[in-house]
C-alpha atoms as a PDB file:
ATOM      1  CA  MET A   1      43.965  20.705 -11.606  1.00  0.00           C
ATOM      2  CA  ALA A   2      41.932  20.489 -14.819  1.00  0.00           C
ATOM      3  CA  ILE A   3      38.445  20.850 -16.260  1.00  0.00           C
ATOM      4  CA  ILE A   4      37.366  17.613 -17.936  1.00  0.00           C
ATOM      5  CA  PHE A   5      34.546  17.000 -20.423  1.00  0.00           C
ATOM      6  CA  GLU A   6      33.501  13.348 -20.666  1.00  0.00           C
ATOM      7  CA  ARG A   7      31.048  12.317 -23.422  1.00  0.00           C
ATOM      8  CA  VAL A   8      29.294  15.678 -23.164  1.00  0.00           C
ATOM      9  CA  LYS A   9      26.214  16.202 -25.303  1.00  0.00           C
ATOM     10  CA  LYS A  10      24.159  19.388 -25.360  1.00  0.00           C
ATOM     11  CA  ASN A  11      20.764  19.878 -26.994  1.00  0.00           C
ATOM     12  CA  TYR A  12      18.454  22.871 -27.180  1.00  0.00           C
ATOM     13  CA  GLY A  13      15.131  21.064 -27.207  1.00  0.00           C
ATOM     14  CA  LYS A  14      15.549  18.507 -29.977  1.00  0.00           C
ATOM     15  CA  LYS A  15      18.332  20.438 -31.688  1.00  0.00           C
ATOM     16  CA  PRO A  16      21.798  19.023 -30.893  1.00  0.00           C
ATOM     17  CA  VAL A  17      24.726  21.432 -30.490  1.00  0.00           C
ATOM     18  CA  PHE A  18      27.399  19.067 -29.183  1.00  0.00           C
ATOM     19  CA  TYR A  19      27.414  15.312 -29.731  1.00  0.00           C
ATOM     20  CA  ASP A  20      30.316  13.760 -27.842  1.00  0.00           C
ATOM     21  CA  LEU A  21      32.832  16.179 -26.368  1.00  0.00           C
ATOM     22  CA  ASN A  22      35.868  14.682 -24.653  1.00  0.00           C
ATOM     23  CA  PHE A  23      38.768  16.909 -23.644  1.00  0.00           C
ATOM     24  CA  LYS A  24      40.853  18.053 -20.707  1.00  0.00           C
ATOM     25  CA  ILE A  25      42.003  21.624 -20.060  1.00  0.00           C
ATOM     26  CA  PRO A  26      44.637  22.156 -17.338  1.00  0.00           C
ATOM     27  CA  LEU A  27      43.877  25.083 -15.029  1.00  0.00           C
ATOM     28  CA  GLU A  28      47.080  27.008 -15.566  1.00  0.00           C
ATOM     29  CA  PRO A  29      47.771  30.521 -16.903  1.00  0.00           C
ATOM     30  CA  THR A  30      46.874  30.385 -20.566  1.00  0.00           C
ATOM     31  CA  VAL A  31      44.549  31.879 -23.192  1.00  0.00           C
ATOM     32  CA  ILE A  32      42.340  29.448 -25.113  1.00  0.00           C
ATOM     33  CA  GLY A  33      40.564  30.508 -28.280  1.00  0.00           C
ATOM     34  CA  LEU A  34      37.254  28.970 -29.363  1.00  0.00           C
ATOM     35  CA  VAL A  35      37.115  29.264 -33.135  1.00  0.00           C
ATOM     36  CA  GLY A  36      34.454  28.574 -35.737  1.00  0.00           C
ATOM     37  CA  PRO A  37      31.578  30.090 -37.746  1.00  0.00           C
ATOM     38  CA  ASN A  38      28.361  31.301 -36.147  1.00  0.00           C
ATOM     39  CA  GLY A  39      26.254  28.450 -34.857  1.00  0.00           C
ATOM     40  CA  VAL A  40      28.985  25.928 -34.048  1.00  0.00           C
ATOM     41  CA  GLY A  41      28.488  26.296 -30.290  1.00  0.00           C
ATOM     42  CA  LYS A  42      31.194  28.689 -29.107  1.00  0.00           C
ATOM     43  CA  SER A  43      28.870  30.605 -26.762  1.00  0.00           C
ATOM     44  CA  THR A  44      27.279  27.353 -25.618  1.00  0.00           C
ATOM     45  CA  MET A  45      30.724  26.020 -24.740  1.00  0.00           C
ATOM     46  CA  LEU A  46      31.415  29.107 -22.625  1.00  0.00           C
ATOM     47  CA  ARG A  47      28.092  28.735 -20.828  1.00  0.00           C
ATOM     48  CA  LEU A  48      28.817  25.072 -20.097  1.00  0.00           C
ATOM     49  CA  LEU A  49      32.208  26.064 -18.680  1.00  0.00           C
ATOM     50  CA  ALA A  50      30.528  28.762 -16.572  1.00  0.00           C
ATOM     51  CA  GLY A  51      27.949  26.363 -15.156  1.00  0.00           C
ATOM     52  CA  VAL A  52      25.174  28.509 -16.646  1.00  0.00           C
ATOM     53  CA  LEU A  53      24.156  25.511 -18.744  1.00  0.00           C
ATOM     54  CA  GLU A  54      24.376  21.827 -17.866  1.00  0.00           C
ATOM     55  CA  PRO A  55      25.020  18.991 -20.321  1.00  0.00           C
ATOM     56  CA  THR A  56      22.085  17.081 -21.755  1.00  0.00           C
ATOM     57  CA  GLU A  57      24.254  13.987 -21.302  1.00  0.00           C
ATOM     58  CA  GLY A  58      27.773  13.348 -20.062  1.00  0.00           C
ATOM     59  CA  ILE A  59      29.874  14.894 -17.317  1.00  0.00           C
ATOM     60  CA  ILE A  60      31.833  18.098 -16.775  1.00  0.00           C
ATOM     61  CA  LYS A  61      34.074  18.072 -13.724  1.00  0.00           C
ATOM     62  CA  ASN A  62      37.017  19.638 -11.975  1.00  0.00           C
ATOM     63  CA  ASP A  63      39.327  16.713 -11.240  1.00  0.00           C
ATOM     64  CA  GLN A  64      40.375  18.135  -7.849  1.00  0.00           C
ATOM     65  CA  THR A  65      36.972  18.436  -6.182  1.00  0.00           C
ATOM     66  CA  GLU A  66      34.068  16.143  -5.372  1.00  0.00           C
ATOM     67  CA  GLU A  67      31.447  18.913  -5.520  1.00  0.00           C
ATOM     68  CA  SER A  68      29.306  19.295  -8.613  1.00  0.00           C
ATOM     69  CA  TYR A  69      30.872  21.186 -11.485  1.00  0.00           C
ATOM     70  CA  VAL A  70      28.006  23.718 -11.540  1.00  0.00           C
ATOM     71  CA  LYS A  71      28.572  24.569  -7.875  1.00  0.00           C
ATOM     72  CA  TRP A  72      32.319  24.888  -8.393  1.00  0.00           C
ATOM     73  CA  ALA A  73      31.958  26.933 -11.582  1.00  0.00           C
ATOM     74  CA  ARG A  74      29.609  29.506 -10.073  1.00  0.00           C
ATOM     75  CA  LEU A  75      32.300  30.442  -7.560  1.00  0.00           C
ATOM     76  CA  HIS A  76      35.438  29.955  -9.633  1.00  0.00           C
ATOM     77  CA  THR A  77      34.487  31.124 -13.135  1.00  0.00           C
ATOM     78  CA  THR A  78      33.252  34.461 -14.484  1.00  0.00           C
ATOM     79  CA  PHE A  79      31.344  34.684 -17.777  1.00  0.00           C
ATOM     80  CA  VAL A  80      31.341  37.977 -19.677  1.00  0.00           C
ATOM     81  CA  ALA A  81      28.629  37.794 -22.331  1.00  0.00           C
ATOM     82  CA  SER A  82      28.695  39.575 -25.668  1.00  0.00           C
ATOM     83  CA  GLY A  83      26.497  42.647 -26.012  1.00  0.00           C
ATOM     84  CA  GLU A  84      25.891  45.569 -23.676  1.00  0.00           C
ATOM     85  CA  ARG A  85      23.739  44.183 -20.868  1.00  0.00           C
ATOM     86  CA  GLY A  86      26.305  42.530 -18.653  1.00  0.00           C
ATOM     87  CA  LEU A  87      26.222  45.091 -15.819  1.00  0.00           C
ATOM     88  CA  MET A  88      23.656  47.014 -13.777  1.00  0.00           C
ATOM     89  CA  TYR A  89      22.713  50.145 -15.714  1.00  0.00           C
ATOM     90  CA  ARG A  90      22.251  52.483 -12.744  1.00  0.00           C
ATOM     91  CA  LEU A  91      25.581  51.625 -11.114  1.00  0.00           C
ATOM     92  CA  ASN A  92      29.008  52.815 -12.174  1.00  0.00           C
ATOM     93  CA  THR A  93      31.745  50.317 -13.013  1.00  0.00           C
ATOM     94  CA  LEU A  94      33.293  50.356  -9.556  1.00  0.00           C
ATOM     95  CA  GLU A  95      29.883  49.843  -7.899  1.00  0.00           C
ATOM     96  CA  ASN A  96      29.120  47.022 -10.313  1.00  0.00           C
ATOM     97  CA  GLY A  97      32.349  45.308  -9.324  1.00  0.00           C
ATOM     98  CA  LEU A  98      31.520  45.526  -5.634  1.00  0.00           C
ATOM     99  CA  TYR A  99      27.973  44.297  -6.262  1.00  0.00           C
ATOM    100  CA  PHE A 100      29.054  41.198  -8.199  1.00  0.00           C
ATOM    101  CA  SER A 101      31.907  40.408  -5.812  1.00  0.00           C
ATOM    102  CA  SER A 102      29.421  40.371  -2.930  1.00  0.00           C
ATOM    103  CA  LEU A 103      27.227  37.917  -4.865  1.00  0.00           C
ATOM    104  CA  LYS A 104      30.172  35.560  -5.268  1.00  0.00           C
ATOM    105  CA  GLY A 105      31.347  36.022  -1.684  1.00  0.00           C
ATOM    106  CA  ILE A 106      34.584  37.662  -2.795  1.00  0.00           C
ATOM    107  CA  SER A 107      36.285  40.387  -0.737  1.00  0.00           C
ATOM    108  CA  VAL A 108      34.900  43.738  -1.885  1.00  0.00           C
ATOM    109  CA  LYS A 109      38.097  45.480  -0.758  1.00  0.00           C
ATOM    110  CA  ARG A 110      40.189  43.192  -2.935  1.00  0.00           C
ATOM    111  CA  THR A 111      37.818  43.676  -5.857  1.00  0.00           C
ATOM    112  CA  GLU A 112      37.992  47.462  -5.507  1.00  0.00           C
ATOM    113  CA  LYS A 113      41.804  47.282  -5.447  1.00  0.00           C
ATOM    114  CA  ASN A 114      41.796  45.071  -8.536  1.00  0.00           C
ATOM    115  CA  ILE A 115      39.419  47.348 -10.450  1.00  0.00           C
ATOM    116  CA  ARG A 116      41.486  50.448  -9.759  1.00  0.00           C
ATOM    117  CA  GLU A 117      44.747  48.720 -10.701  1.00  0.00           C
ATOM    118  CA  MET A 118      43.359  46.964 -13.766  1.00  0.00           C
ATOM    119  CA  ALA A 119      41.607  50.113 -14.998  1.00  0.00           C
ATOM    120  CA  GLN A 120      45.007  51.737 -15.444  1.00  0.00           C
ATOM    121  CA  VAL A 121      46.214  48.897 -17.687  1.00  0.00           C
ATOM    122  CA  PHE A 122      42.900  48.910 -19.573  1.00  0.00           C
ATOM    123  CA  ASN A 123      42.844  52.726 -20.000  1.00  0.00           C
ATOM    124  CA  PHE A 124      39.553  52.986 -18.149  1.00  0.00           C
ATOM    125  CA  SER A 125      40.377  54.952 -14.979  1.00  0.00           C
ATOM    126  CA  LYS A 126      38.528  58.108 -16.066  1.00  0.00           C
ATOM    127  CA  GLU A 127      35.298  56.168 -16.652  1.00  0.00           C
ATOM    128  CA  LEU A 128      35.155  54.255 -13.356  1.00  0.00           C
ATOM    129  CA  ASN A 129      32.587  56.606 -11.795  1.00  0.00           C
ATOM    130  CA  THR A 130      30.342  56.944 -14.873  1.00  0.00           C
ATOM    131  CA  PHE A 131      27.003  55.138 -14.740  1.00  0.00           C
ATOM    132  CA  PHE A 132      27.041  52.072 -16.961  1.00  0.00           C
ATOM    133  CA  GLN A 133      23.965  53.345 -18.850  1.00  0.00           C
ATOM    134  CA  ASP A 134      25.856  56.502 -19.837  1.00  0.00           C
ATOM    135  CA  LEU A 135      28.862  54.752 -21.370  1.00  0.00           C
ATOM    136  CA  SER A 136      29.268  54.275 -25.115  1.00  0.00           C
ATOM    137  CA  THR A 137      28.897  50.800 -26.617  1.00  0.00           C
ATOM    138  CA  GLY A 138      32.640  50.224 -26.641  1.00  0.00           C
ATOM    139  CA  LEU A 139      33.096  51.499 -23.097  1.00  0.00           C
ATOM    140  CA  LYS A 140      30.236  49.305 -21.854  1.00  0.00           C
ATOM    141  CA  LYS A 141      32.155  46.356 -23.275  1.00  0.00           C
ATOM    142  CA  LYS A 142      35.348  47.429 -21.551  1.00  0.00           C
ATOM    143  CA  ALA A 143      33.506  47.950 -18.270  1.00  0.00           C
ATOM    144  CA  ALA A 144      32.004  44.445 -18.355  1.00  0.00           C
ATOM    145  CA  ILE A 145      35.385  42.852 -19.094  1.00  0.00           C
ATOM    146  CA  LEU A 146      37.057  44.895 -16.370  1.00  0.00           C
ATOM    147  CA  VAL A 147      34.498  43.865 -13.744  1.00  0.00           C
ATOM    148  CA  GLY A 148      34.724  40.226 -14.809  1.00  0.00           C
ATOM    149  CA  ALA A 149      38.504  40.257 -14.540  1.00  0.00           C
ATOM    150  CA  ALA A 150      38.534  42.081 -11.196  1.00  0.00           C
ATOM    151  CA  LEU A 151      36.567  39.279  -9.551  1.00  0.00           C
ATOM    152  CA  GLU A 152      39.807  37.309  -9.938  1.00  0.00           C
ATOM    153  CA  THR A 153      38.215  33.896 -10.418  1.00  0.00           C
ATOM    154  CA  GLU A 154      40.492  31.178 -11.765  1.00  0.00           C
ATOM    155  CA  VAL A 155      38.628  31.035 -15.072  1.00  0.00           C
ATOM    156  CA  LEU A 156      37.531  34.043 -17.136  1.00  0.00           C
ATOM    157  CA  LEU A 157      35.184  33.417 -20.073  1.00  0.00           C
ATOM    158  CA  LEU A 158      34.926  36.140 -22.712  1.00  0.00           C
ATOM    159  CA  ASP A 159      32.303  35.945 -25.461  1.00  0.00           C
ATOM    160  CA  GLU A 160      33.218  38.121 -28.461  1.00  0.00           C
ATOM    161  CA  PRO A 161      35.174  40.586 -26.271  1.00  0.00           C
ATOM    162  CA  SER A 162      36.399  42.805 -29.123  1.00  0.00           C
ATOM    163  CA  ASN A 163      32.930  43.445 -30.611  1.00  0.00           C
ATOM    164  CA  GLY A 164      32.098  47.147 -30.539  1.00  0.00           C
ATOM    165  CA  LEU A 165      35.656  48.227 -29.720  1.00  0.00           C
ATOM    166  CA  ASP A 166      37.565  50.699 -31.856  1.00  0.00           C
ATOM    167  CA  ILE A 167      41.163  50.006 -32.904  1.00  0.00           C
ATOM    168  CA  ALA A 168      42.718  51.657 -29.849  1.00  0.00           C
ATOM    169  CA  ALA A 169      40.374  49.789 -27.496  1.00  0.00           C
ATOM    170  CA  GLN A 170      41.170  46.489 -29.264  1.00  0.00           C
ATOM    171  CA  GLU A 171      44.854  47.124 -28.581  1.00  0.00           C
ATOM    172  CA  ASP A 172      44.011  47.907 -24.934  1.00  0.00           C
ATOM    173  CA  LEU A 173      42.069  44.636 -24.740  1.00  0.00           C
ATOM    174  CA  ALA A 174      44.923  42.526 -26.108  1.00  0.00           C
ATOM    175  CA  ALA A 175      47.386  44.078 -23.646  1.00  0.00           C
ATOM    176  CA  PHE A 176      44.888  43.614 -20.814  1.00  0.00           C
ATOM    177  CA  ILE A 177      44.314  39.919 -21.590  1.00  0.00           C
ATOM    178  CA  LEU A 178      48.041  39.239 -21.627  1.00  0.00           C
ATOM    179  CA  ASP A 179      48.409  41.100 -18.325  1.00  0.00           C
ATOM    180  CA  LEU A 180      45.656  38.981 -16.776  1.00  0.00           C
ATOM    181  CA  LYS A 181      47.428  35.807 -17.804  1.00  0.00           C
ATOM    182  CA  ASN A 182      50.961  36.859 -16.894  1.00  0.00           C
ATOM    183  CA  LYS A 183      50.354  38.937 -13.754  1.00  0.00           C
ATOM    184  CA  TYR A 184      47.180  37.430 -12.277  1.00  0.00           C
ATOM    185  CA  GLY A 185      47.520  33.839 -13.520  1.00  0.00           C
ATOM    186  CA  ASN A 186      44.094  33.565 -15.141  1.00  0.00           C
ATOM    187  CA  ILE A 187      43.023  30.863 -17.548  1.00  0.00           C
ATOM    188  CA  ILE A 188      41.039  32.773 -20.163  1.00  0.00           C
ATOM    189  CA  PHE A 189      38.669  31.352 -22.767  1.00  0.00           C
ATOM    190  CA  ILE A 190      37.839  33.623 -25.697  1.00  0.00           C
ATOM    191  CA  SER A 191      35.155  33.095 -28.311  1.00  0.00           C
ATOM    192  CA  SER A 192      35.831  35.397 -31.250  1.00  0.00           C
ATOM    193  CA  HIS A 193      35.950  35.925 -35.018  1.00  0.00           C
ATOM    194  CA  ASP A 194      38.672  38.562 -34.607  1.00  0.00           C
ATOM    195  CA  THR A 195      41.721  36.845 -36.102  1.00  0.00           C
ATOM    196  CA  GLN A 196      44.059  39.724 -35.278  1.00  0.00           C
ATOM    197  CA  MET A 197      43.204  39.613 -31.585  1.00  0.00           C
ATOM    198  CA  LEU A 198      43.194  35.811 -31.453  1.00  0.00           C
ATOM    199  CA  SER A 199      46.616  35.525 -33.041  1.00  0.00           C
ATOM    200  CA  GLY A 200      47.945  38.182 -30.667  1.00  0.00           C
ATOM    201  CA  VAL A 201      46.903  36.612 -27.358  1.00  0.00           C
ATOM    202  CA  VAL A 202      45.851  32.948 -27.755  1.00  0.00           C
ATOM    203  CA  ASP A 203      48.129  30.065 -26.739  1.00  0.00           C
ATOM    204  CA  HIS A 204      45.772  27.166 -27.515  1.00  0.00           C
ATOM    205  CA  TYR A 205      43.047  26.909 -30.175  1.00  0.00           C
ATOM    206  CA  LEU A 206      39.925  24.721 -30.200  1.00  0.00           C
ATOM    207  CA  PHE A 207      38.255  24.645 -33.630  1.00  0.00           C
ATOM    208  CA  LEU A 208      34.589  23.610 -33.293  1.00  0.00           C
ATOM    209  CA  ARG A 209      32.673  21.930 -36.103  1.00  0.00           C
ATOM    210  CA  ASP A 210      29.666  19.594 -36.408  1.00  0.00           C
ATOM    211  CA  GLY A 211      29.194  19.213 -32.664  1.00  0.00           C
ATOM    212  CA  GLN A 212      32.817  18.236 -32.061  1.00  0.00           C
ATOM    213  CA  ILE A 213      36.274  19.677 -31.551  1.00  0.00           C
ATOM    214  CA  GLU A 214      37.490  19.390 -35.123  1.00  0.00           C
ATOM    215  CA  LYS A 215      41.067  20.419 -34.368  1.00  0.00           C
ATOM    216  CA  ASN A 216      43.095  21.138 -31.236  1.00  0.00           C
ATOM    217  CA  ILE A 217      46.204  23.285 -31.756  1.00  0.00           C
ATOM    218  CA  GLU A 218      48.289  23.781 -28.629  1.00  0.00           C
ATOM    219  CA  HIS A 219      50.575  26.592 -29.745  1.00  0.00           C
ATOM    220  CA  LYS A 220      50.454  30.218 -30.840  1.00  0.00           C
ATOM    221  CA  MET A 221      49.630  31.014 -34.465  1.00  0.00           C
ATOM    222  CA  GLN A 222      50.380  33.965 -36.705  1.00  0.00           C
ATOM    223  CA  GLU A 223      47.286  35.630 -38.145  1.00  0.00           C
ATOM    224  CA  ASN A 224      47.940  34.417 -41.698  1.00  0.00           C
ATOM    225  CA  ASP A 225      48.387  30.846 -40.460  1.00  0.00           C
ATOM    226  CA  LEU A 226      45.188  31.097 -38.417  1.00  0.00           C
ATOM    227  CA  ILE A 227      43.225  32.340 -41.439  1.00  0.00           C
ATOM    228  CA  THR A 228      44.670  29.550 -43.592  1.00  0.00           C
ATOM    229  CA  GLU A 229      43.823  26.908 -40.992  1.00  0.00           C
ATOM    230  CA  TYR A 230      40.300  28.310 -40.663  1.00  0.00           C
ATOM    231  CA  GLY A 231      39.794  28.130 -44.412  1.00  0.00           C
ATOM    232  CA  GLU A 232      41.029  24.550 -44.639  1.00  0.00           C
ATOM    233  CA  ILE A 233      38.698  23.395 -41.854  1.00  0.00           C
ATOM    234  CA  TYR A 234      35.487  25.260 -42.687  1.00  0.00           C
ATOM    235  CA  ARG A 235      35.530  25.486 -46.470  1.00  0.00           C
ATOM    236  CA  ARG A 236      35.797  21.760 -47.028  1.00  0.00           C
ATOM    237  CA  LYS A 237      32.618  19.691 -47.062  1.00  0.00           C
END
């Protein structure tokens, strides 16, 4: 099973973001990093994968189903946006998980079990019953990631997941992402500028530039190598 982009173009009005994307991503346990400066389309790519946006031209599909990609993605992917507004403010994290699982038609009992188990790995158990609006910025981020992961969709899409996290929480996040891949079998896409986190968890890098995938590296990278590669790609004209 794989997600396939065929000749995908995406415009915002008359402004093009992607020109001609062609790639295939197998749906198997892995962490994929979307890399590039602001404005290259990392968040747009995540939204296309989530079915939140549709291509201006071209096709996105799952090669194992005849249904539209948007319909498939809304049930089988979870998008965790950057920022603090991902969850319902007047619900606690556990209640948020049950609310969003019911929207997707996922077992609320299974989601509750996942949240309680995952919260232990993510060092979040003490905050489960705190209203989302009362959490700090960093804890709001952790809560949104936790709820997204607990829905247990095949694909988890994280936009700048380490933003707003302190050093200890960044370490929790890296351990949590690896646990999701190894224990729960998720395919996880991460958009981030955090080279330390990327080098610690990513198996496969997509470097975006000028509306294209400039480079596709299908192996882990040390942080220094990642920084060097980034410089070579984005500092040249």
